[in-house]
N, C-alpha and C. Protein backbone atom coordinates (compact mmCIF):
# COMPACT_ATOMS: atom_id res chain seq x y z
N UNK A 1 -33.16 -2.17 -11.56
CA UNK A 1 -32.86 -3.47 -10.99
C UNK A 1 -32.76 -3.31 -9.47
N UNK A 2 -33.41 -4.19 -8.74
CA UNK A 2 -33.36 -4.12 -7.28
C UNK A 2 -32.02 -4.65 -6.77
N UNK A 3 -31.70 -4.34 -5.53
CA UNK A 3 -30.46 -4.86 -4.94
C UNK A 3 -30.43 -6.38 -4.98
N UNK A 4 -31.55 -6.99 -4.69
CA UNK A 4 -31.64 -8.45 -4.70
C UNK A 4 -31.35 -8.99 -6.10
N UNK A 5 -31.93 -8.37 -7.10
CA UNK A 5 -31.70 -8.80 -8.48
C UNK A 5 -30.24 -8.64 -8.89
N UNK A 6 -29.62 -7.56 -8.44
CA UNK A 6 -28.21 -7.33 -8.75
C UNK A 6 -27.35 -8.43 -8.16
N UNK A 7 -27.61 -8.79 -6.90
CA UNK A 7 -26.82 -9.84 -6.23
C UNK A 7 -27.05 -11.19 -6.90
N UNK A 8 -28.28 -11.49 -7.24
CA UNK A 8 -28.58 -12.77 -7.91
C UNK A 8 -27.84 -12.83 -9.25
N UNK A 9 -27.88 -11.74 -10.01
CA UNK A 9 -27.18 -11.69 -11.29
C UNK A 9 -25.68 -11.89 -11.10
N UNK A 10 -25.12 -11.23 -10.10
CA UNK A 10 -23.70 -11.37 -9.80
C UNK A 10 -23.36 -12.82 -9.49
N UNK A 11 -24.10 -13.44 -8.61
CA UNK A 11 -23.81 -14.81 -8.19
C UNK A 11 -23.91 -15.76 -9.38
N UNK A 12 -24.86 -15.54 -10.25
CA UNK A 12 -25.01 -16.41 -11.42
C UNK A 12 -23.83 -16.29 -12.38
N UNK A 13 -23.15 -15.16 -12.37
CA UNK A 13 -22.00 -14.95 -13.26
C UNK A 13 -20.69 -15.47 -12.67
N UNK A 14 -20.66 -15.73 -11.36
CA UNK A 14 -19.43 -16.19 -10.72
C UNK A 14 -19.23 -17.69 -10.95
N UNK A 15 -17.98 -18.14 -10.93
CA UNK A 15 -17.72 -19.58 -11.06
C UNK A 15 -18.34 -20.35 -9.89
N UNK A 16 -18.66 -21.61 -10.14
CA UNK A 16 -19.30 -22.46 -9.13
C UNK A 16 -18.48 -22.58 -7.84
N UNK A 17 -17.17 -22.55 -7.96
CA UNK A 17 -16.32 -22.77 -6.79
C UNK A 17 -15.92 -21.48 -6.06
N UNK A 18 -16.62 -20.39 -6.33
CA UNK A 18 -16.32 -19.11 -5.67
C UNK A 18 -16.63 -19.22 -4.17
N UNK A 19 -15.67 -18.78 -3.36
CA UNK A 19 -15.85 -18.86 -1.91
C UNK A 19 -16.84 -17.81 -1.42
N UNK A 20 -17.40 -18.05 -0.24
CA UNK A 20 -18.30 -17.07 0.36
C UNK A 20 -17.58 -15.75 0.59
N UNK A 21 -16.33 -15.83 0.98
CA UNK A 21 -15.53 -14.63 1.21
C UNK A 21 -15.43 -13.80 -0.08
N UNK A 22 -15.15 -14.47 -1.20
CA UNK A 22 -15.04 -13.75 -2.47
C UNK A 22 -16.39 -13.20 -2.93
N UNK A 23 -17.46 -13.94 -2.68
CA UNK A 23 -18.80 -13.44 -3.01
C UNK A 23 -19.09 -12.18 -2.22
N UNK A 24 -18.78 -12.21 -0.92
CA UNK A 24 -19.01 -11.03 -0.07
C UNK A 24 -18.20 -9.84 -0.57
N UNK A 25 -16.96 -10.07 -0.98
CA UNK A 25 -16.12 -8.98 -1.49
C UNK A 25 -16.71 -8.39 -2.76
N UNK A 26 -17.22 -9.24 -3.64
CA UNK A 26 -17.84 -8.76 -4.87
C UNK A 26 -19.07 -7.91 -4.56
N UNK A 27 -19.87 -8.36 -3.60
CA UNK A 27 -21.07 -7.60 -3.21
C UNK A 27 -20.67 -6.25 -2.63
N UNK A 28 -19.64 -6.23 -1.78
CA UNK A 28 -19.16 -4.97 -1.21
C UNK A 28 -18.67 -4.03 -2.30
N UNK A 29 -17.98 -4.57 -3.29
CA UNK A 29 -17.49 -3.74 -4.39
C UNK A 29 -18.66 -3.11 -5.15
N UNK A 30 -19.64 -3.91 -5.49
CA UNK A 30 -20.80 -3.39 -6.21
C UNK A 30 -21.54 -2.35 -5.37
N UNK A 31 -21.69 -2.61 -4.07
CA UNK A 31 -22.36 -1.66 -3.18
C UNK A 31 -21.59 -0.34 -3.14
N UNK A 32 -20.28 -0.41 -3.08
CA UNK A 32 -19.46 0.80 -3.06
C UNK A 32 -19.58 1.61 -4.34
N UNK A 33 -19.59 0.91 -5.46
CA UNK A 33 -19.73 1.59 -6.75
C UNK A 33 -21.09 2.26 -6.86
N UNK A 34 -22.14 1.55 -6.45
CA UNK A 34 -23.49 2.13 -6.51
C UNK A 34 -23.59 3.35 -5.59
N UNK A 35 -23.00 3.27 -4.40
CA UNK A 35 -23.02 4.40 -3.47
C UNK A 35 -22.30 5.60 -4.07
N UNK A 36 -21.15 5.36 -4.68
CA UNK A 36 -20.39 6.45 -5.30
C UNK A 36 -21.17 7.09 -6.44
N UNK A 37 -21.84 6.28 -7.23
CA UNK A 37 -22.64 6.83 -8.33
C UNK A 37 -23.79 7.68 -7.80
N UNK A 38 -24.43 7.22 -6.73
CA UNK A 38 -25.53 7.99 -6.13
C UNK A 38 -25.02 9.31 -5.58
N UNK A 39 -23.85 9.28 -4.91
CA UNK A 39 -23.26 10.51 -4.38
C UNK A 39 -22.92 11.47 -5.52
N UNK A 40 -22.35 10.95 -6.58
CA UNK A 40 -21.98 11.79 -7.72
C UNK A 40 -23.23 12.42 -8.35
N UNK A 41 -24.30 11.67 -8.42
CA UNK A 41 -25.55 12.19 -8.99
C UNK A 41 -26.11 13.33 -8.15
N UNK A 42 -25.82 13.31 -6.83
CA UNK A 42 -26.27 14.37 -5.94
C UNK A 42 -25.27 15.52 -5.87
N UNK A 43 -24.18 15.41 -6.62
CA UNK A 43 -23.16 16.46 -6.61
C UNK A 43 -22.19 16.32 -5.45
N UNK A 44 -22.23 15.20 -4.78
CA UNK A 44 -21.31 14.93 -3.67
C UNK A 44 -20.14 14.11 -4.20
N UNK A 45 -19.27 13.74 -3.30
CA UNK A 45 -18.17 12.87 -3.70
C UNK A 45 -16.93 13.65 -4.06
N UNK A 46 -16.06 13.00 -4.81
CA UNK A 46 -14.74 13.52 -5.12
C UNK A 46 -14.66 13.83 -6.62
N UNK A 47 -14.05 14.97 -6.94
CA UNK A 47 -13.88 15.34 -8.34
C UNK A 47 -12.86 14.39 -8.99
N UNK A 48 -12.89 14.29 -10.31
CA UNK A 48 -11.90 13.44 -10.98
C UNK A 48 -10.45 13.84 -10.67
N UNK A 49 -10.21 15.14 -10.56
CA UNK A 49 -8.86 15.62 -10.25
C UNK A 49 -8.43 15.16 -8.86
N UNK A 50 -9.33 15.30 -7.88
CA UNK A 50 -9.04 14.87 -6.51
C UNK A 50 -8.85 13.36 -6.46
N UNK A 51 -9.66 12.63 -7.22
CA UNK A 51 -9.52 11.17 -7.25
C UNK A 51 -8.15 10.78 -7.77
N UNK A 52 -7.68 11.45 -8.81
CA UNK A 52 -6.35 11.16 -9.35
C UNK A 52 -5.28 11.44 -8.31
N UNK A 53 -5.41 12.55 -7.59
CA UNK A 53 -4.44 12.87 -6.53
C UNK A 53 -4.43 11.78 -5.47
N UNK A 54 -5.61 11.32 -5.08
CA UNK A 54 -5.70 10.26 -4.07
C UNK A 54 -5.04 8.98 -4.55
N UNK A 55 -5.34 8.58 -5.77
CA UNK A 55 -4.75 7.36 -6.31
C UNK A 55 -3.24 7.50 -6.40
N UNK A 56 -2.77 8.64 -6.87
CA UNK A 56 -1.32 8.87 -6.94
C UNK A 56 -0.68 8.79 -5.56
N UNK A 57 -1.34 9.33 -4.54
CA UNK A 57 -0.77 9.29 -3.19
C UNK A 57 -0.77 7.86 -2.64
N UNK A 58 -1.78 7.08 -2.99
CA UNK A 58 -1.82 5.68 -2.53
C UNK A 58 -0.72 4.87 -3.22
N UNK A 59 -0.51 5.15 -4.50
CA UNK A 59 0.48 4.39 -5.27
C UNK A 59 1.90 4.69 -4.83
N UNK A 60 2.12 5.88 -4.27
CA UNK A 60 3.48 6.26 -3.87
C UNK A 60 3.85 5.78 -2.48
N UNK A 61 2.93 5.13 -1.80
CA UNK A 61 3.22 4.65 -0.44
C UNK A 61 4.04 3.40 -0.46
């Protein structure tokens, strides 16, 4: 699926009254997830253990 197709699919699934701000946030979220998956496929990124440590540190703030 192309990036354009992904965004079109996303927009079609959102409620009619979704704000532009919320649409942009959804697109950023999807872009971030896709980037993380690509990094993981290349062996880059953060291990699950490190991710848990990061989340735990964020939650304790």
